[in-house]
Protein backbone atom coordinates (compact mmCIF):
# COMPACT_ATOMS: atom_id res chain seq x y z
CA MET A 1 46.61 7.51 73.72
CA TYR A 2 45.91 10.05 71.01
CA VAL A 3 47.39 11.28 67.74
CA ASP A 4 48.99 14.67 68.29
CA HIS A 5 50.32 15.31 64.78
CA LEU A 6 49.84 13.51 61.47
CA SER A 7 52.12 13.58 58.42
CA LEU A 8 51.24 12.13 55.02
CA HIS A 9 53.37 11.72 51.93
CA ASP A 10 51.81 10.45 48.68
CA PHE A 11 48.92 8.89 50.58
CA ARG A 12 45.73 8.79 48.48
CA SER A 13 45.04 12.34 47.22
CA TRP A 14 47.61 13.96 49.52
CA ALA A 15 51.06 14.59 48.04
CA SER A 16 52.03 16.10 51.38
CA LEU A 17 50.09 16.97 54.51
CA GLU A 18 50.97 18.12 58.02
CA ILE A 19 48.06 18.45 60.46
CA ASP A 20 47.79 18.93 64.21
CA LEU A 21 45.05 16.87 65.88
CA GLY A 22 45.42 16.55 69.64
CA PRO A 23 43.13 15.20 72.38
CA GLY A 24 39.42 15.84 72.51
CA VAL A 25 37.31 16.48 69.42
CA THR A 26 38.65 17.50 66.03
CA SER A 27 36.33 17.97 63.05
CA LEU A 28 37.34 17.94 59.39
CA VAL A 29 34.75 19.87 57.39
CA GLY A 30 34.53 20.12 53.62
CA ARG A 31 32.63 19.06 50.54
CA ASN A 32 32.75 15.46 49.38
CA GLY A 33 35.82 14.57 47.35
CA GLN A 34 38.17 16.98 49.14
CA GLY A 35 40.19 14.30 50.97
CA LYS A 36 38.67 14.29 54.46
CA THR A 37 38.14 10.54 54.51
CA ASN A 38 41.67 9.99 53.18
CA ILE A 39 43.03 11.72 56.28
CA ILE A 40 41.13 9.60 58.77
CA GLU A 41 41.81 6.47 56.70
CA SER A 42 45.53 7.04 57.27
CA VAL A 43 45.04 7.11 61.05
CA ASP A 44 43.07 3.88 60.92
CA TYR A 45 45.66 2.27 58.63
CA LEU A 46 48.42 3.09 61.10
CA SER A 47 46.53 1.22 63.81
CA ARG A 48 45.69 -1.93 61.83
CA LEU A 49 47.88 -1.88 58.69
CA SER A 50 44.73 -2.31 56.62
CA SER A 51 42.11 0.04 55.25
CA HIS A 52 38.42 0.13 56.13
CA ARG A 53 37.72 1.11 52.51
CA VAL A 54 39.78 -1.18 50.25
CA ALA A 55 41.20 -4.70 50.48
CA SER A 56 44.67 -4.00 49.05
CA ASP A 57 47.36 -1.35 49.55
CA ALA A 58 47.71 -0.24 45.93
CA PRO A 59 44.86 2.34 45.99
CA LEU A 60 46.44 3.99 49.05
CA VAL A 61 49.44 5.25 47.07
CA ARG A 62 48.93 8.49 45.15
CA LYS A 63 48.80 8.03 41.38
CA GLY A 64 52.28 8.26 39.91
CA ALA A 65 54.07 7.57 43.21
CA GLU A 66 55.83 4.34 44.15
CA GLN A 67 55.14 4.40 47.87
CA ALA A 68 53.18 6.24 50.54
CA ILE A 69 54.26 7.20 54.03
CA VAL A 70 52.01 7.69 57.06
CA ARG A 71 53.65 9.11 60.16
CA ALA A 72 52.02 10.08 63.43
CA ALA A 73 53.27 11.51 66.69
CA VAL A 74 51.23 9.85 69.42
CA ILE A 75 50.99 10.72 73.11
CA LYS A 76 50.48 8.20 75.88
CA ASP A 77 50.79 9.09 79.55
CA GLU A 78 52.56 12.30 78.52
CA ARG A 79 55.19 10.33 76.59
CA ARG A 80 55.61 10.94 72.87
CA ALA A 81 56.37 8.32 70.21
CA VAL A 82 56.50 8.62 66.43
CA LEU A 83 54.91 5.73 64.52
CA GLU A 84 55.59 5.38 60.80
CA VAL A 85 54.60 2.98 58.07
CA GLU A 86 55.96 2.92 54.53
CA ILE A 87 53.41 1.44 52.13
CA ASN A 88 54.98 -0.43 49.23
CA PRO A 89 52.39 -2.14 46.98
CA GLY A 90 53.70 -5.44 45.65
CA ARG A 91 56.53 -5.42 48.18
CA SER A 92 56.86 -5.65 51.94
CA ASN A 93 55.75 -2.63 53.91
CA ARG A 94 58.15 -1.18 56.45
CA ALA A 95 57.44 0.24 59.87
CA ARG A 96 59.39 2.33 62.36
CA ILE A 97 59.00 3.59 65.90
CA ASN A 98 60.98 6.71 66.71
CA SER A 99 62.93 6.16 63.45
CA SER A 100 64.00 2.66 64.53
CA PRO A 101 62.97 -0.04 62.00
CA LEU A 102 60.78 -2.90 63.20
CA PRO A 103 61.65 -6.44 62.03
CA ARG A 104 58.14 -6.81 60.57
CA ALA A 105 55.60 -4.14 59.79
CA ARG A 106 52.84 -6.02 61.60
CA GLU A 107 54.63 -5.41 64.92
CA LEU A 108 53.17 -1.90 64.71
CA ILE A 109 49.64 -3.29 65.06
CA GLY A 110 48.00 -2.59 68.40
CA ILE A 111 50.25 0.26 69.51
CA LEU A 112 47.67 2.77 68.29
CA ARG A 113 44.09 1.51 68.20
CA SER A 114 41.14 2.98 66.36
CA VAL A 115 37.45 2.41 65.71
CA VAL A 116 35.91 3.89 62.56
CA PHE A 117 32.20 4.58 62.05
CA ALA A 118 31.35 5.11 58.36
CA PRO A 119 28.28 4.90 56.09
CA ASP A 120 29.83 1.82 54.50
CA ASP A 121 29.30 0.00 57.80
CA LEU A 122 25.96 -1.21 56.45
CA VAL A 123 27.92 -3.99 54.74
CA LEU A 124 28.45 -5.45 58.20
CA VAL A 125 24.82 -6.52 58.24
CA LYS A 126 23.80 -6.40 54.57
CA GLY A 127 27.00 -7.50 52.87
CA ASP A 128 28.61 -10.89 52.23
CA PRO A 129 29.89 -13.20 54.99
CA GLY A 130 33.42 -12.07 54.14
CA ASP A 131 32.57 -8.56 55.36
CA ARG A 132 31.53 -9.91 58.75
CA ARG A 133 34.55 -12.22 58.99
CA ARG A 134 36.76 -9.23 58.32
CA PHE A 135 35.01 -7.25 61.06
CA LEU A 136 35.58 -10.07 63.55
CA ASP A 137 39.20 -10.61 62.62
CA GLU A 138 40.14 -6.93 62.66
CA LEU A 139 38.64 -6.54 66.12
CA MET A 140 40.32 -9.76 67.23
CA VAL A 141 43.73 -8.49 66.11
CA GLN A 142 43.26 -5.12 67.78
CA ARG A 143 42.44 -6.87 71.05
CA ALA A 144 45.33 -9.32 70.72
CA PRO A 145 47.90 -8.32 68.04
CA ARG A 146 49.51 -11.78 68.01
CA TYR A 147 46.58 -12.94 65.88
CA ALA A 148 47.91 -10.84 63.00
CA GLY A 149 50.66 -13.42 62.56
CA ILE A 150 48.28 -16.34 62.97
CA ARG A 151 45.94 -14.94 60.33
CA SER A 152 48.83 -14.32 57.96
CA ASP A 153 50.14 -17.85 58.43
CA TYR A 154 46.65 -19.30 57.94
CA ASP A 155 46.18 -17.39 54.68
CA ARG A 156 49.55 -18.66 53.43
CA VAL A 157 48.73 -22.28 54.30
CA LEU A 158 45.27 -21.94 52.72
CA LYS A 159 46.82 -20.62 49.51
CA GLN A 160 49.31 -23.50 49.36
CA ARG A 161 46.64 -26.08 50.10
CA ASN A 162 44.34 -24.68 47.40
CA SER A 163 47.22 -24.75 44.93
CA LEU A 164 47.81 -28.42 45.70
CA LEU A 165 44.09 -29.22 45.39
CA ARG A 166 43.98 -27.51 41.99
CA SER A 167 47.00 -29.41 40.75
CA VAL A 168 45.47 -32.72 41.79
CA SER A 169 42.14 -31.68 40.25
CA VAL A 170 43.76 -30.79 36.94
CA ALA A 171 45.55 -34.12 36.90
CA ARG A 172 42.13 -35.74 37.47
CA GLY A 173 43.57 -38.14 39.93
CA SER A 174 45.10 -38.29 43.37
CA THR A 175 48.47 -39.96 43.80
CA ASP A 176 49.56 -41.26 47.16
CA ALA A 177 52.28 -38.59 47.25
CA ALA A 178 49.77 -35.82 46.62
CA ILE A 179 47.43 -37.09 49.33
CA ALA A 180 50.32 -37.36 51.80
CA THR A 181 51.33 -33.77 51.04
CA LEU A 182 47.71 -32.67 51.45
CA GLU A 183 47.57 -34.26 54.88
CA VAL A 184 50.62 -32.24 55.94
CA TRP A 185 48.84 -29.04 54.92
CA ASP A 186 45.69 -30.32 56.70
CA ASP A 187 47.58 -30.49 60.00
CA ARG A 188 48.82 -26.92 59.72
CA LEU A 189 45.44 -25.64 58.51
CA ILE A 190 43.71 -27.25 61.49
CA GLU A 191 46.27 -25.93 63.98
CA LEU A 192 46.05 -22.32 62.82
CA GLY A 193 42.38 -22.35 61.91
CA SER A 194 41.34 -23.70 65.30
CA GLN A 195 43.13 -20.84 67.03
CA ILE A 196 41.30 -18.30 64.87
CA MET A 197 37.91 -19.94 65.37
CA SER A 198 38.39 -20.19 69.12
CA ALA A 199 39.32 -16.50 69.32
CA ARG A 200 36.33 -15.51 67.16
CA ALA A 201 33.96 -17.50 69.34
CA GLN A 202 35.29 -15.86 72.50
CA LEU A 203 35.06 -12.45 70.86
CA VAL A 204 31.39 -12.98 70.03
CA ARG A 205 30.70 -14.05 73.61
CA ASP A 206 32.32 -10.85 74.84
CA LEU A 207 30.65 -8.72 72.18
CA ASN A 208 27.01 -9.62 72.72
CA PRO A 209 26.43 -7.99 76.13
CA VAL A 210 27.83 -4.64 74.99
CA LEU A 211 26.14 -4.97 71.59
CA GLY A 212 22.73 -5.21 73.23
CA LYS A 213 23.48 -2.18 75.38
CA SER A 214 24.63 -0.17 72.36
CA TYR A 215 21.64 -1.14 70.23
CA GLU A 216 19.26 -0.13 72.99
CA ALA A 217 20.96 3.28 73.09
CA VAL A 218 20.84 4.07 69.35
CA ALA A 219 17.55 2.41 68.29
CA ARG A 220 14.35 4.00 69.52
CA GLY A 221 12.22 1.74 71.67
CA ALA A 222 14.67 -1.17 71.41
CA GLN A 223 15.24 -3.70 74.16
CA ARG A 224 18.72 -4.71 75.27
CA ASP A 225 18.27 -8.39 74.41
CA GLU A 226 17.03 -7.77 70.84
CA ALA A 227 20.41 -7.45 69.09
CA VAL A 228 22.53 -10.61 69.06
CA THR A 229 25.36 -12.05 66.98
CA VAL A 230 25.95 -15.77 66.55
CA TYR A 231 29.23 -17.26 65.36
CA VAL A 232 28.54 -20.02 62.82
CA PRO A 233 31.53 -22.23 61.95
CA SER A 234 31.67 -23.91 58.55
CA PHE A 235 31.39 -27.32 60.22
CA THR A 236 29.44 -28.74 63.11
CA VAL A 237 30.85 -28.09 66.58
CA GLU A 238 29.35 -29.68 69.67
CA PRO A 239 26.79 -27.30 71.21
CA GLY A 240 27.93 -25.62 74.40
CA VAL A 241 31.63 -26.04 73.67
CA ALA A 242 33.72 -23.58 75.66
CA GLY A 243 35.59 -22.64 72.53
CA GLY A 244 39.26 -23.46 73.22
CA PRO A 245 41.37 -24.32 70.13
CA ALA A 246 41.40 -28.01 71.04
CA ASP A 247 37.60 -28.08 70.87
CA TYR A 248 37.73 -27.26 67.17
CA GLU A 249 40.57 -29.49 66.00
CA GLU A 250 38.83 -32.85 65.83
CA PRO A 251 35.59 -31.56 64.23
CA PHE A 252 37.75 -29.61 61.76
CA ARG A 253 39.70 -32.75 60.83
CA THR A 254 36.50 -34.76 60.44
CA ALA A 255 34.97 -32.09 58.20
CA LEU A 256 38.05 -32.05 55.97
CA ALA A 257 37.86 -35.82 55.61
CA ASP A 258 34.15 -35.70 54.81
CA ARG A 259 34.66 -33.03 52.14
CA ARG A 260 37.87 -34.47 50.67
CA ARG A 261 36.24 -35.73 47.47
CA ASP A 262 34.37 -32.45 46.92
CA GLU A 263 37.57 -30.48 47.49
CA LEU A 264 39.52 -32.59 45.00
CA ASP A 265 36.74 -32.19 42.44
CA ARG A 266 36.53 -28.42 42.86
CA GLY A 267 40.17 -27.65 43.67
CA ILE A 268 39.40 -25.48 46.69
CA THR A 269 39.30 -25.75 50.48
CA LEU A 270 35.65 -25.93 51.55
CA VAL A 271 35.87 -25.82 55.35
CA GLY A 272 37.72 -23.59 57.77
CA PRO A 273 37.50 -20.10 59.25
CA HIS A 274 37.59 -18.58 55.75
CA ARG A 275 34.10 -20.06 55.21
CA ASP A 276 32.52 -19.16 58.56
CA GLU A 277 29.66 -16.73 59.13
CA LEU A 278 28.64 -14.20 61.77
CA SER A 279 24.85 -14.10 61.97
CA CYS A 280 23.34 -10.77 63.00
CA LEU A 281 19.91 -11.16 64.57
CA LEU A 282 17.15 -8.89 65.79
CA GLY A 283 15.02 -11.09 67.94
CA ALA A 284 14.77 -14.40 66.09
CA LEU A 285 15.17 -12.91 62.59
CA PRO A 286 18.34 -12.11 60.63
CA VAL A 287 18.98 -8.43 60.05
CA LYS A 288 19.86 -9.12 56.43
CA GLY A 289 16.64 -9.48 54.47
CA TYR A 290 14.24 -8.69 57.34
CA ALA A 291 15.28 -5.48 59.10
CA SER A 292 14.36 -2.01 57.87
CA HIS A 293 17.04 0.42 56.73
CA GLY A 294 16.87 2.22 60.07
CA GLU A 295 17.16 -0.99 62.05
CA SER A 296 20.06 -2.17 59.87
CA TRP A 297 21.91 1.10 60.30
CA SER A 298 21.32 1.05 64.07
CA PHE A 299 22.64 -2.52 64.27
CA ALA A 300 25.79 -1.61 62.32
CA LEU A 301 26.30 1.44 64.52
CA ALA A 302 25.84 -0.72 67.62
CA LEU A 303 28.51 -3.15 66.36
CA ARG A 304 31.02 -0.30 66.15
CA LEU A 305 30.04 1.08 69.54
CA ALA A 306 30.41 -2.39 71.04
CA SER A 307 33.84 -2.69 69.42
CA TYR A 308 34.87 0.60 70.98
CA ASP A 309 33.68 -0.52 74.42
CA LEU A 310 35.56 -3.82 74.13
CA LEU A 311 38.82 -2.16 73.09
CA ARG A 312 38.74 0.31 75.97
CA ALA A 313 37.98 -2.44 78.52
CA PRO A 314 40.72 -3.41 81.00
CA GLU A 315 40.65 -7.02 79.71
CA VAL A 316 42.54 -5.84 76.64
CA GLY A 317 45.49 -4.79 78.80
CA GLU A 318 45.96 -1.13 79.59
CA ALA A 319 42.66 0.70 79.53
CA ASP A 320 43.44 3.22 76.76
CA ASP A 321 40.61 4.67 74.73
CA PRO A 322 40.96 3.90 71.02
CA VAL A 323 40.95 6.83 68.62
CA LEU A 324 37.30 7.20 67.64
CA VAL A 325 36.61 8.23 64.04
CA LEU A 326 33.13 9.30 62.89
CA ASP A 327 33.33 9.55 59.12
CA ASP A 328 30.32 11.44 57.74
CA VAL A 329 28.09 9.47 60.09
CA PHE A 330 25.82 12.21 61.38
CA ALA A 331 24.40 13.00 57.95
CA GLU A 332 22.85 9.51 58.07
CA LEU A 333 21.10 10.04 61.41
CA ASP A 334 18.04 11.94 62.52
CA SER A 335 18.46 14.62 65.18
CA GLY A 336 17.50 12.30 68.04
CA ARG A 337 20.03 9.63 67.21
CA ARG A 338 22.68 12.27 66.44
CA GLY A 339 22.37 13.53 69.99
CA GLN A 340 22.39 10.04 71.50
CA LEU A 341 25.52 9.02 69.62
CA ALA A 342 27.29 12.30 70.39
CA GLU A 343 26.59 11.94 74.11
CA MET A 344 27.89 8.37 74.10
CA VAL A 345 31.25 9.25 72.53
CA ALA A 346 31.86 12.81 73.73
CA GLY A 347 34.01 11.63 76.63
CA ALA A 348 36.49 9.68 74.48
CA GLU A 349 40.12 10.71 74.73
CA GLN A 350 40.23 11.54 71.02
CA VAL A 351 37.37 11.87 68.53
CA ILE A 352 37.87 12.79 64.86
CA VAL A 353 34.72 13.78 62.98
CA THR A 354 34.29 14.40 59.25
CA ALA A 355 31.32 16.29 57.85
CA ALA A 356 30.31 18.05 54.65
CA VAL A 357 28.97 21.11 56.49
CA PRO A 358 29.51 22.41 60.05
CA GLU A 359 25.82 21.94 60.85
CA ASP A 360 26.24 18.15 60.60
CA VAL A 361 28.49 18.16 63.68
CA PRO A 362 26.42 17.96 66.91
CA THR A 363 26.95 20.67 69.50
CA GLN A 364 28.25 18.04 71.96
CA LEU A 365 31.19 17.45 69.61
CA ARG A 366 32.20 21.03 68.92
CA GLY A 367 35.97 21.16 69.29
CA ARG A 368 38.79 22.35 67.06
CA ARG A 369 37.79 22.55 63.40
CA HIS A 370 39.81 22.15 60.22
CA ARG A 371 38.41 23.05 56.82
CA VAL A 372 39.45 20.78 53.95
CA ALA A 373 39.22 22.21 50.43
CA ASP A 374 41.24 22.34 47.22
CA GLY A 375 44.07 20.22 48.55
CA GLN A 376 44.57 22.40 51.62
CA VAL A 377 43.72 22.10 55.31
CA THR A 378 43.11 25.33 57.21
CA THR A 379 42.29 25.74 60.89
CA ASP A 380 39.28 27.74 62.06
CA GLU A 381 40.03 30.11 64.91
């Protein structure tokens, strides 16, 4: 599947934009601040209904506008479909396929899939645990879109449970009624959270073999078994557990009971998938705090390459290549690693590259070129 044509209305800096993309390689070339990244962000948003740059939808709507619209004509097996999302900050977003409304916007997730490489990917290894949880969950949802609903339900239950904990904390006491209500929320938290944790654990098991292969390819002199990720739940799980949801439920319930007093004192839920960690290791040492800048960047790049390999694997369902987006990545790499990365992705069904100058685009990825400047996109002949 690939994006054949993209239309934007009041998205980021673009009041209106119509651009042809098509299969193979397309490069968007222009100085920083001209809107290149905004274009590729819209493609990624259409695939996941979230941005790789910001946590909320409000910044996606052009200043002064009430909503933004992203619309793309996509081609799969020579069949054409038009995907559209209407972004309404503070209200429910709306989605359509071929002009027909979907009951919920999140039903659009997974129809078009994308993987974005960007300089900000360093947060995957150097940032907070929340950055790595987000990476896991976004990949999890792209592999199995049903987890979008499970994540949404978990976040809602977590919010309600925290609200109850705060109310009990403020009252400086715990009535029997409050505790009974808390136990109801515990049951739902455990049910949903165990599904998320099980899926994350399986994802990490699937990720590590391709991660090692990717790291070996982009890091000079690296060995395949050097790069590893380890999923670390916020409570103790029996070593060697296969990772089904049922394997997490009882330890989760025990951890909630053990931390009940602390939670009541602090008014916040202290265990669950929202407190988990993904450890990134080179050999026996964590990347964060020990790896050099080059090693850290190679590890982050390998995580994205591994994501791409997982999403194009037959286990996901139909073996469609995701749209591959390389956002100003080559400026961060030396010539050797530029060539290695370009060779690894050149065969993808669709690659979209952004760069400040044409020279930043490797010869292996020379395709159609659009210049982006002064609010306009022009096509090089």
